[in-house]
């Protein structure tokens, strides 16, 4: 009997590698439902056979945490850069320097877009071993690839304003894409 609350059970089923409930994790079992046949497997040899038959599901919880953490690292690095260059581009006031908002926003987008264009990942994605891949389209010219990468970043504005626009599409899409990724046919994957 699974004594975990309903919400925790659903989250564990969605976010564990083998879609296990809390009770399954404690008992070290996997429940497989294939053509109305339910089997509970406890032996290692059976688990290996089942893992070959059913591919492993990506742990979406860890993936979302990596994406958020990589974005925060990018923001932190940008903030450090802005602090260093603020005496040169900012306006002096009594306790330090002030940089206009539009300069900061344009600077941030230039910072991440250049990394995306040159390396197909930002520093945060590099640290968490994530990479950006462009899905195939009919016309895959280099100029259009650059335009897709730049267009992807336009949606960051909406995702910053309303965080659920970022989280919900990643959670429910098949390829774990945020809204900007879906519209520009770009996917962020783990670099193994």
C-alpha atoms as a PDB file:
ATOM      1  CA  UNK A   1       0.000   0.000   0.000  1.00  0.00           C
ATOM      2  CA  UNK A   2       1.338   3.395  -0.956  1.00  0.00           C
ATOM      3  CA  UNK A   3       0.825   5.674   2.047  1.00  0.00           C
ATOM      4  CA  UNK A   4       2.218   8.782   0.391  1.00  0.00           C
ATOM      5  CA  UNK A   5      -0.127  11.698  -0.258  1.00  0.00           C
ATOM      6  CA  UNK A   6      -1.696  11.791  -3.696  1.00  0.00           C
ATOM      7  CA  UNK A   7       0.361  14.779  -4.892  1.00  0.00           C
ATOM      8  CA  UNK A   8       3.681  13.282  -3.845  1.00  0.00           C
ATOM      9  CA  UNK A   9       2.736   9.993  -5.505  1.00  0.00           C
ATOM     10  CA  UNK A  10       1.939  11.726  -8.788  1.00  0.00           C
ATOM     11  CA  UNK A  11       5.157  13.759  -8.669  1.00  0.00           C
ATOM     12  CA  UNK A  12       7.250  10.669  -7.969  1.00  0.00           C
ATOM     13  CA  UNK A  13       5.601   8.722 -10.784  1.00  0.00           C
ATOM     14  CA  UNK A  14       6.226  11.626 -13.185  1.00  0.00           C
ATOM     15  CA  UNK A  15       9.756  12.431 -11.991  1.00  0.00           C
ATOM     16  CA  UNK A  16      11.420   9.130 -11.165  1.00  0.00           C
ATOM     17  CA  UNK A  17      13.478   7.330 -13.754  1.00  0.00           C
ATOM     18  CA  UNK A  18      11.274   4.226 -13.741  1.00  0.00           C
ATOM     19  CA  UNK A  19       7.934   5.927 -12.935  1.00  0.00           C
ATOM     20  CA  UNK A  20       7.913   4.576  -9.390  1.00  0.00           C
ATOM     21  CA  UNK A  21       5.645   5.515  -6.497  1.00  0.00           C
ATOM     22  CA  UNK A  22       7.041   6.099  -3.016  1.00  0.00           C
ATOM     23  CA  UNK A  23       6.092   2.558  -1.944  1.00  0.00           C
ATOM     24  CA  UNK A  24       7.849   1.155  -5.035  1.00  0.00           C
ATOM     25  CA  UNK A  25      11.002   3.069  -4.164  1.00  0.00           C
ATOM     26  CA  UNK A  26      11.015   1.644  -0.624  1.00  0.00           C
ATOM     27  CA  UNK A  27      10.328  -1.907  -1.821  1.00  0.00           C
ATOM     28  CA  UNK A  28      12.780  -1.547  -4.738  1.00  0.00           C
ATOM     29  CA  UNK A  29      10.154  -2.716  -7.235  1.00  0.00           C
ATOM     30  CA  UNK A  30       8.881  -1.540 -10.589  1.00  0.00           C
ATOM     31  CA  UNK A  31       5.276  -1.857 -11.744  1.00  0.00           C
ATOM     32  CA  UNK A  32       4.935  -2.302 -15.487  1.00  0.00           C
ATOM     33  CA  UNK A  33       1.595  -2.135 -17.264  1.00  0.00           C
ATOM     34  CA  UNK A  34       1.855  -3.644 -20.738  1.00  0.00           C
ATOM     35  CA  UNK A  35      -1.358  -4.692 -22.509  1.00  0.00           C
ATOM     36  CA  UNK A  36      -3.301  -4.901 -19.240  1.00  0.00           C
ATOM     37  CA  UNK A  37      -0.714  -7.217 -17.683  1.00  0.00           C
ATOM     38  CA  UNK A  38       0.695  -5.875 -14.415  1.00  0.00           C
ATOM     39  CA  UNK A  39       3.936  -7.351 -13.157  1.00  0.00           C
ATOM     40  CA  UNK A  40       5.923  -6.510 -10.068  1.00  0.00           C
ATOM     41  CA  UNK A  41       9.564  -7.336 -10.607  1.00  0.00           C
ATOM     42  CA  UNK A  42      12.045  -7.752  -7.804  1.00  0.00           C
ATOM     43  CA  UNK A  43      14.943  -9.662  -9.362  1.00  0.00           C
ATOM     44  CA  UNK A  44      17.845  -7.875 -11.046  1.00  0.00           C
ATOM     45  CA  UNK A  45      17.823 -10.145 -14.114  1.00  0.00           C
ATOM     46  CA  UNK A  46      14.182  -9.310 -14.799  1.00  0.00           C
ATOM     47  CA  UNK A  47      14.918  -5.604 -14.392  1.00  0.00           C
ATOM     48  CA  UNK A  48      17.657  -5.721 -17.031  1.00  0.00           C
ATOM     49  CA  UNK A  49      15.323  -7.416 -19.506  1.00  0.00           C
ATOM     50  CA  UNK A  50      12.590  -4.861 -18.869  1.00  0.00           C
ATOM     51  CA  UNK A  51      14.985  -1.893 -19.158  1.00  0.00           C
ATOM     52  CA  UNK A  52      15.980  -3.088 -22.627  1.00  0.00           C
ATOM     53  CA  UNK A  53      12.333  -3.416 -23.642  1.00  0.00           C
ATOM     54  CA  UNK A  54      11.204  -0.071 -22.166  1.00  0.00           C
ATOM     55  CA  UNK A  55      13.625   2.858 -22.600  1.00  0.00           C
ATOM     56  CA  UNK A  56      14.447   4.921 -19.534  1.00  0.00           C
ATOM     57  CA  UNK A  57      12.445   8.077 -19.041  1.00  0.00           C
ATOM     58  CA  UNK A  58      14.380  11.274 -18.376  1.00  0.00           C
ATOM     59  CA  UNK A  59      14.015  12.577 -14.838  1.00  0.00           C
ATOM     60  CA  UNK A  60      12.174  15.780 -15.663  1.00  0.00           C
ATOM     61  CA  UNK A  61      12.597  17.205 -12.153  1.00  0.00           C
ATOM     62  CA  UNK A  62      16.391  17.134 -12.362  1.00  0.00           C
ATOM     63  CA  UNK A  63      16.287  18.492 -15.915  1.00  0.00           C
ATOM     64  CA  UNK A  64      14.171  21.497 -14.898  1.00  0.00           C
ATOM     65  CA  UNK A  65      16.442  22.176 -11.920  1.00  0.00           C
ATOM     66  CA  UNK A  66      19.493  22.065 -14.225  1.00  0.00           C
ATOM     67  CA  UNK A  67      17.862  24.483 -16.668  1.00  0.00           C
ATOM     68  CA  UNK A  68      16.887  26.923 -13.921  1.00  0.00           C
ATOM     69  CA  UNK A  69      20.300  26.678 -12.239  1.00  0.00           C
ATOM     70  CA  UNK A  70      22.086  27.222 -15.556  1.00  0.00           C
ATOM     71  CA  UNK A  71      19.994  30.354 -16.197  1.00  0.00           C
ATOM     72  CA  UNK A  72      20.794  31.645 -12.694  1.00  0.00           C
ATOM     73  CA  UNK A  73      24.518  31.061 -13.268  1.00  0.00           C
ATOM     74  CA  UNK A  74      24.307  33.002 -16.530  1.00  0.00           C
ATOM     75  CA  UNK A  75      22.553  35.833 -14.702  1.00  0.00           C
ATOM     76  CA  UNK A  76      25.143  35.807 -11.897  1.00  0.00           C
ATOM     77  CA  UNK A  77      28.059  35.915 -14.350  1.00  0.00           C
ATOM     78  CA  UNK A  78      26.393  38.799 -16.194  1.00  0.00           C
ATOM     79  CA  UNK A  79      25.838  40.667 -12.909  1.00  0.00           C
ATOM     80  CA  UNK A  80      29.527  40.273 -12.038  1.00  0.00           C
ATOM     81  CA  UNK A  81      30.533  41.568 -15.481  1.00  0.00           C
ATOM     82  CA  UNK A  82      28.181  44.552 -15.103  1.00  0.00           C
ATOM     83  CA  UNK A  83      29.612  45.321 -11.659  1.00  0.00           C
ATOM     84  CA  UNK A  84      33.119  45.333 -13.115  1.00  0.00           C
ATOM     85  CA  UNK A  85      32.302  47.565 -16.094  1.00  0.00           C
ATOM     86  CA  UNK A  86      29.826  49.864 -14.319  1.00  0.00           C
ATOM     87  CA  UNK A  87      32.454  52.569 -13.588  1.00  0.00           C
ATOM     88  CA  UNK A  88      33.065  52.821 -17.339  1.00  0.00           C
ATOM     89  CA  UNK A  89      29.502  52.798 -18.671  1.00  0.00           C
ATOM     90  CA  UNK A  90      27.381  53.799 -15.673  1.00  0.00           C
ATOM     91  CA  UNK A  91      26.343  57.087 -14.156  1.00  0.00           C
ATOM     92  CA  UNK A  92      27.953  57.971 -10.835  1.00  0.00           C
ATOM     93  CA  UNK A  93      25.729  58.563  -7.838  1.00  0.00           C
ATOM     94  CA  UNK A  94      26.501  58.903  -4.113  1.00  0.00           C
ATOM     95  CA  UNK A  95      27.063  55.189  -3.291  1.00  0.00           C
ATOM     96  CA  UNK A  96      28.323  53.823  -6.569  1.00  0.00           C
ATOM     97  CA  UNK A  97      27.274  53.602 -10.197  1.00  0.00           C
ATOM     98  CA  UNK A  98      23.929  53.242 -11.902  1.00  0.00           C
ATOM     99  CA  UNK A  99      23.452  51.610 -15.292  1.00  0.00           C
ATOM    100  CA  UNK A 100      20.217  52.368 -17.131  1.00  0.00           C
ATOM    101  CA  UNK A 101      17.772  49.464 -17.338  1.00  0.00           C
ATOM    102  CA  UNK A 102      17.672  49.338 -21.118  1.00  0.00           C
ATOM    103  CA  UNK A 103      21.481  49.066 -21.256  1.00  0.00           C
ATOM    104  CA  UNK A 104      21.382  46.211 -18.731  1.00  0.00           C
ATOM    105  CA  UNK A 105      18.623  44.369 -20.583  1.00  0.00           C
ATOM    106  CA  UNK A 106      20.272  44.789 -23.989  1.00  0.00           C
ATOM    107  CA  UNK A 107      23.619  43.800 -22.465  1.00  0.00           C
ATOM    108  CA  UNK A 108      22.157  40.623 -20.963  1.00  0.00           C
ATOM    109  CA  UNK A 109      20.525  39.530 -24.212  1.00  0.00           C
ATOM    110  CA  UNK A 110      23.711  40.295 -26.141  1.00  0.00           C
ATOM    111  CA  UNK A 111      25.667  38.267 -23.565  1.00  0.00           C
ATOM    112  CA  UNK A 112      23.505  35.118 -23.877  1.00  0.00           C
ATOM    113  CA  UNK A 113      22.867  35.402 -27.625  1.00  0.00           C
ATOM    114  CA  UNK A 114      26.592  35.625 -28.383  1.00  0.00           C
ATOM    115  CA  UNK A 115      27.236  32.529 -26.290  1.00  0.00           C
ATOM    116  CA  UNK A 116      24.378  30.685 -28.021  1.00  0.00           C
ATOM    117  CA  UNK A 117      25.580  31.683 -31.487  1.00  0.00           C
ATOM    118  CA  UNK A 118      29.253  30.896 -30.893  1.00  0.00           C
ATOM    119  CA  UNK A 119      29.092  27.826 -28.648  1.00  0.00           C
ATOM    120  CA  UNK A 120      25.468  26.562 -28.891  1.00  0.00           C
ATOM    121  CA  UNK A 121      25.329  26.857 -25.092  1.00  0.00           C
ATOM    122  CA  UNK A 122      25.820  29.386 -22.362  1.00  0.00           C
ATOM    123  CA  UNK A 123      28.301  29.091 -19.507  1.00  0.00           C
ATOM    124  CA  UNK A 124      25.509  27.842 -17.221  1.00  0.00           C
ATOM    125  CA  UNK A 125      24.520  25.146 -19.705  1.00  0.00           C
ATOM    126  CA  UNK A 126      28.176  24.150 -20.067  1.00  0.00           C
ATOM    127  CA  UNK A 127      28.526  23.714 -16.292  1.00  0.00           C
ATOM    128  CA  UNK A 128      25.398  21.519 -16.125  1.00  0.00           C
ATOM    129  CA  UNK A 129      26.327  19.606 -19.298  1.00  0.00           C
ATOM    130  CA  UNK A 130      23.384  20.848 -21.332  1.00  0.00           C
ATOM    131  CA  UNK A 131      23.545  21.761 -24.992  1.00  0.00           C
ATOM    132  CA  UNK A 132      21.250  23.360 -27.518  1.00  0.00           C
ATOM    133  CA  UNK A 133      20.369  21.498 -30.710  1.00  0.00           C
ATOM    134  CA  UNK A 134      18.510  22.877 -33.688  1.00  0.00           C
ATOM    135  CA  UNK A 135      15.888  20.474 -35.007  1.00  0.00           C
ATOM    136  CA  UNK A 136      15.914  19.879 -38.745  1.00  0.00           C
ATOM    137  CA  UNK A 137      13.777  22.143 -40.896  1.00  0.00           C
ATOM    138  CA  UNK A 138      13.148  22.314 -44.646  1.00  0.00           C
ATOM    139  CA  UNK A 139      15.531  25.231 -45.099  1.00  0.00           C
ATOM    140  CA  UNK A 140      18.504  24.811 -42.772  1.00  0.00           C
ATOM    141  CA  UNK A 141      20.705  27.692 -44.001  1.00  0.00           C
ATOM    142  CA  UNK A 142      23.195  29.194 -41.561  1.00  0.00           C
ATOM    143  CA  UNK A 143      21.509  32.621 -41.569  1.00  0.00           C
ATOM    144  CA  UNK A 144      18.177  31.064 -40.624  1.00  0.00           C
ATOM    145  CA  UNK A 145      19.838  29.069 -37.839  1.00  0.00           C
ATOM    146  CA  UNK A 146      21.166  32.322 -36.382  1.00  0.00           C
ATOM    147  CA  UNK A 147      17.730  33.910 -36.696  1.00  0.00           C
ATOM    148  CA  UNK A 148      16.156  30.939 -34.875  1.00  0.00           C
ATOM    149  CA  UNK A 149      18.669  31.228 -32.021  1.00  0.00           C
ATOM    150  CA  UNK A 150      18.040  34.979 -31.677  1.00  0.00           C
ATOM    151  CA  UNK A 151      14.251  34.515 -31.905  1.00  0.00           C
ATOM    152  CA  UNK A 152      14.412  31.903 -29.137  1.00  0.00           C
ATOM    153  CA  UNK A 153      15.772  34.525 -26.747  1.00  0.00           C
ATOM    154  CA  UNK A 154      12.905  36.959 -27.427  1.00  0.00           C
ATOM    155  CA  UNK A 155      10.601  34.631 -25.470  1.00  0.00           C
ATOM    156  CA  UNK A 156      12.865  34.928 -22.412  1.00  0.00           C
ATOM    157  CA  UNK A 157      11.155  38.248 -21.682  1.00  0.00           C
ATOM    158  CA  UNK A 158       7.773  36.527 -21.242  1.00  0.00           C
ATOM    159  CA  UNK A 159       9.317  33.673 -19.273  1.00  0.00           C
ATOM    160  CA  UNK A 160      10.966  36.092 -16.851  1.00  0.00           C
ATOM    161  CA  UNK A 161       7.732  38.034 -16.340  1.00  0.00           C
ATOM    162  CA  UNK A 162       5.600  34.904 -15.812  1.00  0.00           C
ATOM    163  CA  UNK A 163       7.681  31.979 -14.567  1.00  0.00           C
ATOM    164  CA  UNK A 164       4.911  29.447 -15.336  1.00  0.00           C
ATOM    165  CA  UNK A 165       5.331  30.174 -19.046  1.00  0.00           C
ATOM    166  CA  UNK A 166       8.820  28.684 -18.555  1.00  0.00           C
ATOM    167  CA  UNK A 167       8.027  25.705 -16.312  1.00  0.00           C
ATOM    168  CA  UNK A 168       4.750  24.364 -17.740  1.00  0.00           C
ATOM    169  CA  UNK A 169       5.887  23.852 -21.372  1.00  0.00           C
ATOM    170  CA  UNK A 170       9.111  22.127 -20.226  1.00  0.00           C
ATOM    171  CA  UNK A 171       7.084  19.825 -17.969  1.00  0.00           C
ATOM    172  CA  UNK A 172       4.468  18.795 -20.505  1.00  0.00           C
ATOM    173  CA  UNK A 173       6.234  18.826 -23.883  1.00  0.00           C
ATOM    174  CA  UNK A 174       7.656  15.595 -25.295  1.00  0.00           C
ATOM    175  CA  UNK A 175      11.118  17.067 -25.831  1.00  0.00           C
ATOM    176  CA  UNK A 176      11.099  19.209 -22.650  1.00  0.00           C
ATOM    177  CA  UNK A 177      11.094  22.457 -24.611  1.00  0.00           C
ATOM    178  CA  UNK A 178      10.210  25.880 -23.297  1.00  0.00           C
ATOM    179  CA  UNK A 179       7.860  28.068 -25.333  1.00  0.00           C
ATOM    180  CA  UNK A 180      10.657  29.795 -27.281  1.00  0.00           C
ATOM    181  CA  UNK A 181      12.251  26.418 -28.061  1.00  0.00           C
ATOM    182  CA  UNK A 182       8.993  25.014 -29.428  1.00  0.00           C
ATOM    183  CA  UNK A 183       8.329  27.947 -31.727  1.00  0.00           C
ATOM    184  CA  UNK A 184      11.899  28.085 -33.070  1.00  0.00           C
ATOM    185  CA  UNK A 185      12.337  24.285 -33.267  1.00  0.00           C
ATOM    186  CA  UNK A 186      15.253  24.150 -30.834  1.00  0.00           C
ATOM    187  CA  UNK A 187      15.752  21.583 -28.095  1.00  0.00           C
ATOM    188  CA  UNK A 188      18.052  21.646 -25.058  1.00  0.00           C
ATOM    189  CA  UNK A 189      19.409  18.192 -24.239  1.00  0.00           C
ATOM    190  CA  UNK A 190      21.780  16.723 -21.705  1.00  0.00           C
ATOM    191  CA  UNK A 191      25.276  16.238 -23.090  1.00  0.00           C
ATOM    192  CA  UNK A 192      26.254  12.717 -22.056  1.00  0.00           C
END
